[in-house]
Amino acid sequence: MLVSDSVPLLRPDVFVTPSGGGTVHVRSSRGTDLIAAPGIATWLDRLAPFLDGTRTVDQLVGGLDEKRRAVVLRVLRLLDAHGLLDERSATGPDPRAAAHARMRVLLLGDPEHTRAQAD
């Protein structure tokens, strides 16, 4: 759920294709969705470069009039509802990095050499 201090990141596997009438097909590793909201293609085109995980929701809508602010928030909610946004914490590590805090490596070969590499 997006809140004002959320830092949305458009997932790197997301591709947006306008499908006419202002609607878009959104393709990702999760499949293809049609988002049928009037004018969303234009808004996504404008907004996507800013969904790079460096701005909070407040920063994205700051300075916009109420009408535009409402539209941007609606687009963000639609993207989030379709699972197309990742959340970057404004403070702390990237959640994807935290998920892999400890990695294991399998070394194959001569025990004398692999033991030295493991240390």
N, C-alpha and C. Protein backbone atom coordinates (compact mmCIF):
# COMPACT_ATOMS: atom_id res chain seq x y z
N MET A 1 0.84 -1.18 0.00
CA MET A 1 0.00 0.00 0.00
C MET A 1 0.89 1.25 0.00
N LEU A 2 0.60 2.13 -0.89
CA LEU A 2 1.39 3.36 -0.99
C LEU A 2 0.92 4.38 0.04
N VAL A 3 1.88 5.01 0.67
CA VAL A 3 1.61 6.12 1.58
C VAL A 3 2.49 7.28 1.16
N SER A 4 2.32 8.42 1.80
CA SER A 4 3.03 9.62 1.34
C SER A 4 4.54 9.49 1.36
N ASP A 5 5.09 8.70 2.29
CA ASP A 5 6.55 8.56 2.32
C ASP A 5 7.04 7.30 1.62
N SER A 6 6.15 6.60 0.92
CA SER A 6 6.57 5.46 0.09
C SER A 6 7.49 5.96 -1.02
N VAL A 7 8.41 5.10 -1.43
CA VAL A 7 9.34 5.43 -2.50
C VAL A 7 9.12 4.40 -3.61
N PRO A 8 8.18 4.68 -4.54
CA PRO A 8 7.84 3.69 -5.56
C PRO A 8 8.90 3.55 -6.64
N LEU A 9 9.10 2.30 -7.03
CA LEU A 9 10.04 1.96 -8.09
C LEU A 9 9.29 1.09 -9.09
N LEU A 10 9.21 1.54 -10.33
CA LEU A 10 8.61 0.73 -11.38
C LEU A 10 9.50 -0.48 -11.60
N ARG A 11 8.93 -1.66 -11.47
CA ARG A 11 9.74 -2.88 -11.59
C ARG A 11 10.47 -2.89 -12.93
N PRO A 12 11.71 -3.39 -12.96
CA PRO A 12 12.51 -3.34 -14.19
C PRO A 12 12.00 -4.23 -15.31
N ASP A 13 11.10 -5.16 -15.01
CA ASP A 13 10.58 -6.06 -16.05
C ASP A 13 9.27 -5.56 -16.65
N VAL A 14 8.89 -4.33 -16.35
CA VAL A 14 7.61 -3.79 -16.81
C VAL A 14 7.78 -3.04 -18.14
N PHE A 15 6.91 -3.39 -19.09
CA PHE A 15 6.86 -2.70 -20.38
C PHE A 15 5.44 -2.25 -20.62
N VAL A 16 5.28 -1.00 -20.99
CA VAL A 16 3.96 -0.42 -21.21
C VAL A 16 3.76 -0.20 -22.70
N THR A 17 2.63 -0.70 -23.21
CA THR A 17 2.30 -0.55 -24.63
C THR A 17 0.92 0.09 -24.75
N PRO A 18 0.83 1.30 -25.30
CA PRO A 18 -0.50 1.90 -25.50
C PRO A 18 -1.35 1.00 -26.39
N SER A 19 -2.63 0.89 -26.04
CA SER A 19 -3.50 0.00 -26.80
C SER A 19 -4.69 0.73 -27.42
N GLY A 20 -4.64 2.04 -27.46
CA GLY A 20 -5.70 2.82 -28.06
C GLY A 20 -6.71 3.28 -27.02
N GLY A 21 -7.32 4.40 -27.28
CA GLY A 21 -8.32 4.92 -26.37
C GLY A 21 -7.77 5.32 -25.01
N GLY A 22 -6.46 5.52 -24.95
CA GLY A 22 -5.85 5.93 -23.69
C GLY A 22 -5.56 4.79 -22.75
N THR A 23 -5.93 3.56 -23.12
CA THR A 23 -5.64 2.40 -22.27
C THR A 23 -4.26 1.86 -22.60
N VAL A 24 -3.76 0.99 -21.73
CA VAL A 24 -2.43 0.42 -21.95
C VAL A 24 -2.44 -1.07 -21.63
N HIS A 25 -1.59 -1.79 -22.35
CA HIS A 25 -1.25 -3.16 -21.97
C HIS A 25 0.07 -3.05 -21.21
N VAL A 26 0.10 -3.65 -20.05
CA VAL A 26 1.31 -3.65 -19.24
C VAL A 26 1.82 -5.07 -19.20
N ARG A 27 3.03 -5.26 -19.70
CA ARG A 27 3.63 -6.59 -19.73
C ARG A 27 4.76 -6.65 -18.70
N SER A 28 4.80 -7.78 -18.00
CA SER A 28 5.86 -8.02 -17.03
C SER A 28 6.05 -9.52 -16.90
N SER A 29 6.97 -9.91 -16.04
CA SER A 29 7.19 -11.34 -15.83
C SER A 29 5.98 -12.01 -15.20
N ARG A 30 5.05 -11.22 -14.70
CA ARG A 30 3.82 -11.76 -14.10
C ARG A 30 2.71 -11.93 -15.12
N GLY A 31 2.94 -11.49 -16.35
CA GLY A 31 1.91 -11.62 -17.39
C GLY A 31 1.57 -10.28 -17.99
N THR A 32 0.43 -10.24 -18.65
CA THR A 32 -0.03 -9.03 -19.32
C THR A 32 -1.34 -8.58 -18.70
N ASP A 33 -1.44 -7.30 -18.39
CA ASP A 33 -2.66 -6.71 -17.86
C ASP A 33 -3.09 -5.57 -18.77
N LEU A 34 -4.39 -5.38 -18.88
CA LEU A 34 -4.92 -4.21 -19.56
C LEU A 34 -5.39 -3.26 -18.47
N ILE A 35 -4.86 -2.06 -18.49
CA ILE A 35 -5.33 -1.04 -17.56
C ILE A 35 -6.16 -0.07 -18.38
N ALA A 36 -7.46 -0.12 -18.14
CA ALA A 36 -8.40 0.68 -18.93
C ALA A 36 -8.86 1.87 -18.10
N ALA A 37 -8.07 2.90 -18.12
CA ALA A 37 -8.41 4.15 -17.46
C ALA A 37 -8.16 5.26 -18.47
N PRO A 38 -9.14 6.10 -18.71
CA PRO A 38 -8.98 7.15 -19.71
C PRO A 38 -7.72 7.98 -19.49
N GLY A 39 -6.91 8.08 -20.54
CA GLY A 39 -5.71 8.91 -20.50
C GLY A 39 -4.53 8.32 -19.76
N ILE A 40 -4.63 7.09 -19.29
CA ILE A 40 -3.54 6.53 -18.49
C ILE A 40 -2.25 6.37 -19.29
N ALA A 41 -2.37 6.13 -20.59
CA ALA A 41 -1.17 5.96 -21.42
C ALA A 41 -0.29 7.20 -21.36
N THR A 42 -0.88 8.36 -21.48
CA THR A 42 -0.13 9.61 -21.44
C THR A 42 0.47 9.84 -20.06
N TRP A 43 -0.31 9.59 -19.02
CA TRP A 43 0.19 9.78 -17.66
C TRP A 43 1.33 8.82 -17.35
N LEU A 44 1.21 7.57 -17.76
CA LEU A 44 2.29 6.60 -17.52
C LEU A 44 3.56 7.01 -18.26
N ASP A 45 3.40 7.50 -19.47
CA ASP A 45 4.55 7.94 -20.25
C ASP A 45 5.29 9.07 -19.53
N ARG A 46 4.54 9.99 -18.95
CA ARG A 46 5.14 11.11 -18.24
C ARG A 46 5.72 10.71 -16.88
N LEU A 47 5.03 9.79 -16.21
CA LEU A 47 5.38 9.45 -14.83
C LEU A 47 6.49 8.40 -14.72
N ALA A 48 6.55 7.48 -15.66
CA ALA A 48 7.49 6.34 -15.57
C ALA A 48 8.94 6.74 -15.29
N PRO A 49 9.49 7.76 -15.96
CA PRO A 49 10.90 8.11 -15.68
C PRO A 49 11.16 8.53 -14.23
N PHE A 50 10.11 8.96 -13.54
CA PHE A 50 10.26 9.41 -12.16
C PHE A 50 10.03 8.30 -11.14
N LEU A 51 9.62 7.12 -11.61
CA LEU A 51 9.40 5.98 -10.72
C LEU A 51 10.67 5.14 -10.66
N ASP A 52 11.75 5.79 -10.28
CA ASP A 52 13.07 5.16 -10.27
C ASP A 52 13.58 4.84 -8.87
N GLY A 53 12.68 4.94 -7.88
CA GLY A 53 13.06 4.61 -6.52
C GLY A 53 13.85 5.68 -5.80
N THR A 54 13.83 6.91 -6.33
CA THR A 54 14.57 7.99 -5.68
C THR A 54 13.66 9.08 -5.13
N ARG A 55 12.36 8.97 -5.36
CA ARG A 55 11.42 10.01 -4.93
C ARG A 55 10.28 9.40 -4.13
N THR A 56 9.86 10.10 -3.10
CA THR A 56 8.69 9.67 -2.34
C THR A 56 7.43 10.06 -3.11
N VAL A 57 6.31 9.49 -2.68
CA VAL A 57 5.03 9.87 -3.29
C VAL A 57 4.81 11.37 -3.11
N ASP A 58 5.11 11.88 -1.92
CA ASP A 58 4.96 13.33 -1.68
C ASP A 58 5.79 14.15 -2.66
N GLN A 59 7.00 13.71 -2.95
CA GLN A 59 7.84 14.44 -3.91
C GLN A 59 7.27 14.35 -5.32
N LEU A 60 6.67 13.23 -5.66
CA LEU A 60 6.11 13.07 -7.00
C LEU A 60 4.91 13.98 -7.23
N VAL A 61 4.12 14.21 -6.19
CA VAL A 61 2.91 15.02 -6.37
C VAL A 61 3.08 16.45 -5.85
N GLY A 62 4.21 16.74 -5.23
CA GLY A 62 4.44 18.08 -4.71
C GLY A 62 4.41 19.11 -5.83
N GLY A 63 3.72 20.19 -5.59
CA GLY A 63 3.65 21.26 -6.58
C GLY A 63 2.56 21.08 -7.63
N LEU A 64 1.88 19.93 -7.62
CA LEU A 64 0.79 19.72 -8.59
C LEU A 64 -0.51 20.30 -8.04
N ASP A 65 -1.37 20.77 -8.95
CA ASP A 65 -2.69 21.21 -8.49
C ASP A 65 -3.50 19.97 -8.08
N GLU A 66 -4.63 20.19 -7.42
CA GLU A 66 -5.42 19.08 -6.88
C GLU A 66 -5.86 18.07 -7.94
N LYS A 67 -6.23 18.56 -9.12
CA LYS A 67 -6.69 17.65 -10.18
C LYS A 67 -5.56 16.72 -10.63
N ARG A 68 -4.41 17.30 -10.92
CA ARG A 68 -3.27 16.48 -11.37
C ARG A 68 -2.75 15.57 -10.25
N ARG A 69 -2.76 16.10 -9.05
CA ARG A 69 -2.33 15.30 -7.90
C ARG A 69 -3.20 14.04 -7.77
N ALA A 70 -4.51 14.20 -7.90
CA ALA A 70 -5.44 13.07 -7.81
C ALA A 70 -5.18 12.05 -8.91
N VAL A 71 -4.89 12.53 -10.12
CA VAL A 71 -4.62 11.63 -11.23
C VAL A 71 -3.34 10.84 -10.99
N VAL A 72 -2.28 11.51 -10.58
CA VAL A 72 -1.01 10.82 -10.33
C VAL A 72 -1.18 9.78 -9.22
N LEU A 73 -1.88 10.14 -8.16
CA LEU A 73 -2.12 9.18 -7.08
C LEU A 73 -2.94 7.98 -7.57
N ARG A 74 -3.90 8.24 -8.44
CA ARG A 74 -4.71 7.14 -9.00
C ARG A 74 -3.84 6.22 -9.86
N VAL A 75 -2.99 6.79 -10.68
CA VAL A 75 -2.09 5.98 -11.52
C VAL A 75 -1.16 5.15 -10.64
N LEU A 76 -0.61 5.75 -9.60
CA LEU A 76 0.26 5.01 -8.69
C LEU A 76 -0.49 3.86 -8.02
N ARG A 77 -1.73 4.12 -7.60
CA ARG A 77 -2.53 3.06 -6.96
C ARG A 77 -2.83 1.93 -7.94
N LEU A 78 -3.12 2.27 -9.20
CA LEU A 78 -3.37 1.24 -10.22
C LEU A 78 -2.13 0.39 -10.45
N LEU A 79 -0.99 1.04 -10.60
CA LEU A 79 0.26 0.29 -10.79
C LEU A 79 0.54 -0.62 -9.60
N ASP A 80 0.32 -0.09 -8.41
CA ASP A 80 0.56 -0.88 -7.20
C ASP A 80 -0.42 -2.05 -7.12
N ALA A 81 -1.68 -1.82 -7.45
CA ALA A 81 -2.69 -2.88 -7.40
C ALA A 81 -2.37 -4.01 -8.38
N HIS A 82 -1.72 -3.68 -9.49
CA HIS A 82 -1.34 -4.68 -10.49
C HIS A 82 0.02 -5.31 -10.18
N GLY A 83 0.63 -4.92 -9.05
CA GLY A 83 1.91 -5.50 -8.65
C GLY A 83 3.09 -5.05 -9.49
N LEU A 84 3.01 -3.84 -10.04
CA LEU A 84 4.04 -3.35 -10.95
C LEU A 84 5.05 -2.42 -10.29
N LEU A 85 4.84 -2.13 -9.02
CA LEU A 85 5.76 -1.26 -8.29
C LEU A 85 6.44 -2.04 -7.18
N ASP A 86 7.71 -1.75 -6.98
CA ASP A 86 8.43 -2.21 -5.80
C ASP A 86 8.51 -1.02 -4.86
N GLU A 87 8.67 -1.29 -3.60
CA GLU A 87 8.80 -0.23 -2.60
C GLU A 87 10.25 -0.11 -2.18
N ARG A 88 10.81 1.06 -2.35
CA ARG A 88 12.15 1.35 -1.85
C ARG A 88 11.96 2.10 -0.55
N SER A 89 12.63 1.67 0.47
CA SER A 89 12.56 2.36 1.75
C SER A 89 13.30 3.68 1.64
N ALA A 90 12.71 4.73 2.16
CA ALA A 90 13.37 6.03 2.12
C ALA A 90 14.64 6.00 2.97
N THR A 91 14.63 5.15 3.98
CA THR A 91 15.82 4.96 4.80
C THR A 91 16.07 3.47 4.90
N GLY A 92 17.29 3.10 5.00
CA GLY A 92 17.62 1.70 5.15
C GLY A 92 17.97 1.05 3.83
N PRO A 93 18.31 -0.24 3.89
CA PRO A 93 18.78 -0.95 2.70
C PRO A 93 17.66 -1.26 1.71
N ASP A 94 18.03 -1.52 0.50
CA ASP A 94 17.11 -1.97 -0.53
C ASP A 94 16.51 -3.29 -0.04
N PRO A 95 15.16 -3.44 -0.03
CA PRO A 95 14.57 -4.66 0.49
C PRO A 95 15.00 -5.91 -0.26
N ARG A 96 15.34 -5.77 -1.54
CA ARG A 96 15.80 -6.94 -2.29
C ARG A 96 17.17 -7.39 -1.78
N ALA A 97 18.01 -6.44 -1.41
CA ALA A 97 19.32 -6.80 -0.87
C ALA A 97 19.17 -7.42 0.51
N ALA A 98 18.24 -6.91 1.30
CA ALA A 98 18.02 -7.46 2.64
C ALA A 98 17.51 -8.89 2.57
N ALA A 99 16.80 -9.23 1.51
CA ALA A 99 16.27 -10.59 1.35
C ALA A 99 17.39 -11.59 1.11
N HIS A 100 18.54 -11.12 0.68
CA HIS A 100 19.69 -11.99 0.40
C HIS A 100 20.86 -11.60 1.30
N ALA A 101 20.57 -11.47 2.57
CA ALA A 101 21.60 -11.01 3.50
C ALA A 101 22.80 -11.95 3.55
N ARG A 102 22.54 -13.22 3.40
CA ARG A 102 23.64 -14.18 3.43
C ARG A 102 23.52 -15.09 2.23
N MET A 103 24.52 -15.10 1.42
CA MET A 103 24.51 -15.95 0.23
C MET A 103 25.49 -17.09 0.42
N ARG A 104 25.15 -18.21 -0.15
CA ARG A 104 26.04 -19.37 -0.12
C ARG A 104 26.61 -19.58 -1.50
N VAL A 105 27.84 -20.05 -1.52
CA VAL A 105 28.52 -20.33 -2.79
C VAL A 105 29.03 -21.75 -2.74
N LEU A 106 28.80 -22.49 -3.79
CA LEU A 106 29.31 -23.85 -3.90
C LEU A 106 30.57 -23.82 -4.74
N LEU A 107 31.67 -24.25 -4.16
CA LEU A 107 32.94 -24.30 -4.87
C LEU A 107 33.28 -25.75 -5.18
N LEU A 108 33.54 -26.01 -6.43
CA LEU A 108 33.91 -27.36 -6.86
C LEU A 108 35.36 -27.36 -7.30
N GLY A 109 36.06 -28.43 -7.00
CA GLY A 109 37.44 -28.53 -7.45
C GLY A 109 38.30 -29.21 -6.42
N ASP A 110 39.56 -29.01 -6.56
CA ASP A 110 40.55 -29.60 -5.67
C ASP A 110 40.36 -29.03 -4.26
N PRO A 111 40.16 -29.88 -3.24
CA PRO A 111 39.91 -29.40 -1.88
C PRO A 111 40.96 -28.41 -1.38
N GLU A 112 42.20 -28.60 -1.78
CA GLU A 112 43.26 -27.70 -1.32
C GLU A 112 43.00 -26.27 -1.80
N HIS A 113 42.56 -26.12 -3.04
CA HIS A 113 42.33 -24.79 -3.61
C HIS A 113 40.99 -24.21 -3.17
N THR A 114 39.95 -25.04 -3.14
CA THR A 114 38.63 -24.51 -2.78
C THR A 114 38.58 -24.08 -1.32
N ARG A 115 39.30 -24.75 -0.44
CA ARG A 115 39.33 -24.37 0.97
C ARG A 115 39.93 -22.96 1.11
N ALA A 116 40.97 -22.68 0.39
CA ALA A 116 41.61 -21.36 0.43
C ALA A 116 40.67 -20.28 -0.11
N GLN A 117 39.91 -20.59 -1.15
CA GLN A 117 38.98 -19.62 -1.72
C GLN A 117 37.81 -19.36 -0.78
N ALA A 118 37.38 -20.39 -0.07
CA ALA A 118 36.25 -20.25 0.85
C ALA A 118 36.58 -19.35 2.03
N ASP A 119 37.85 -19.31 2.40
CA ASP A 119 38.25 -18.47 3.53
C ASP A 119 38.31 -17.05 3.06
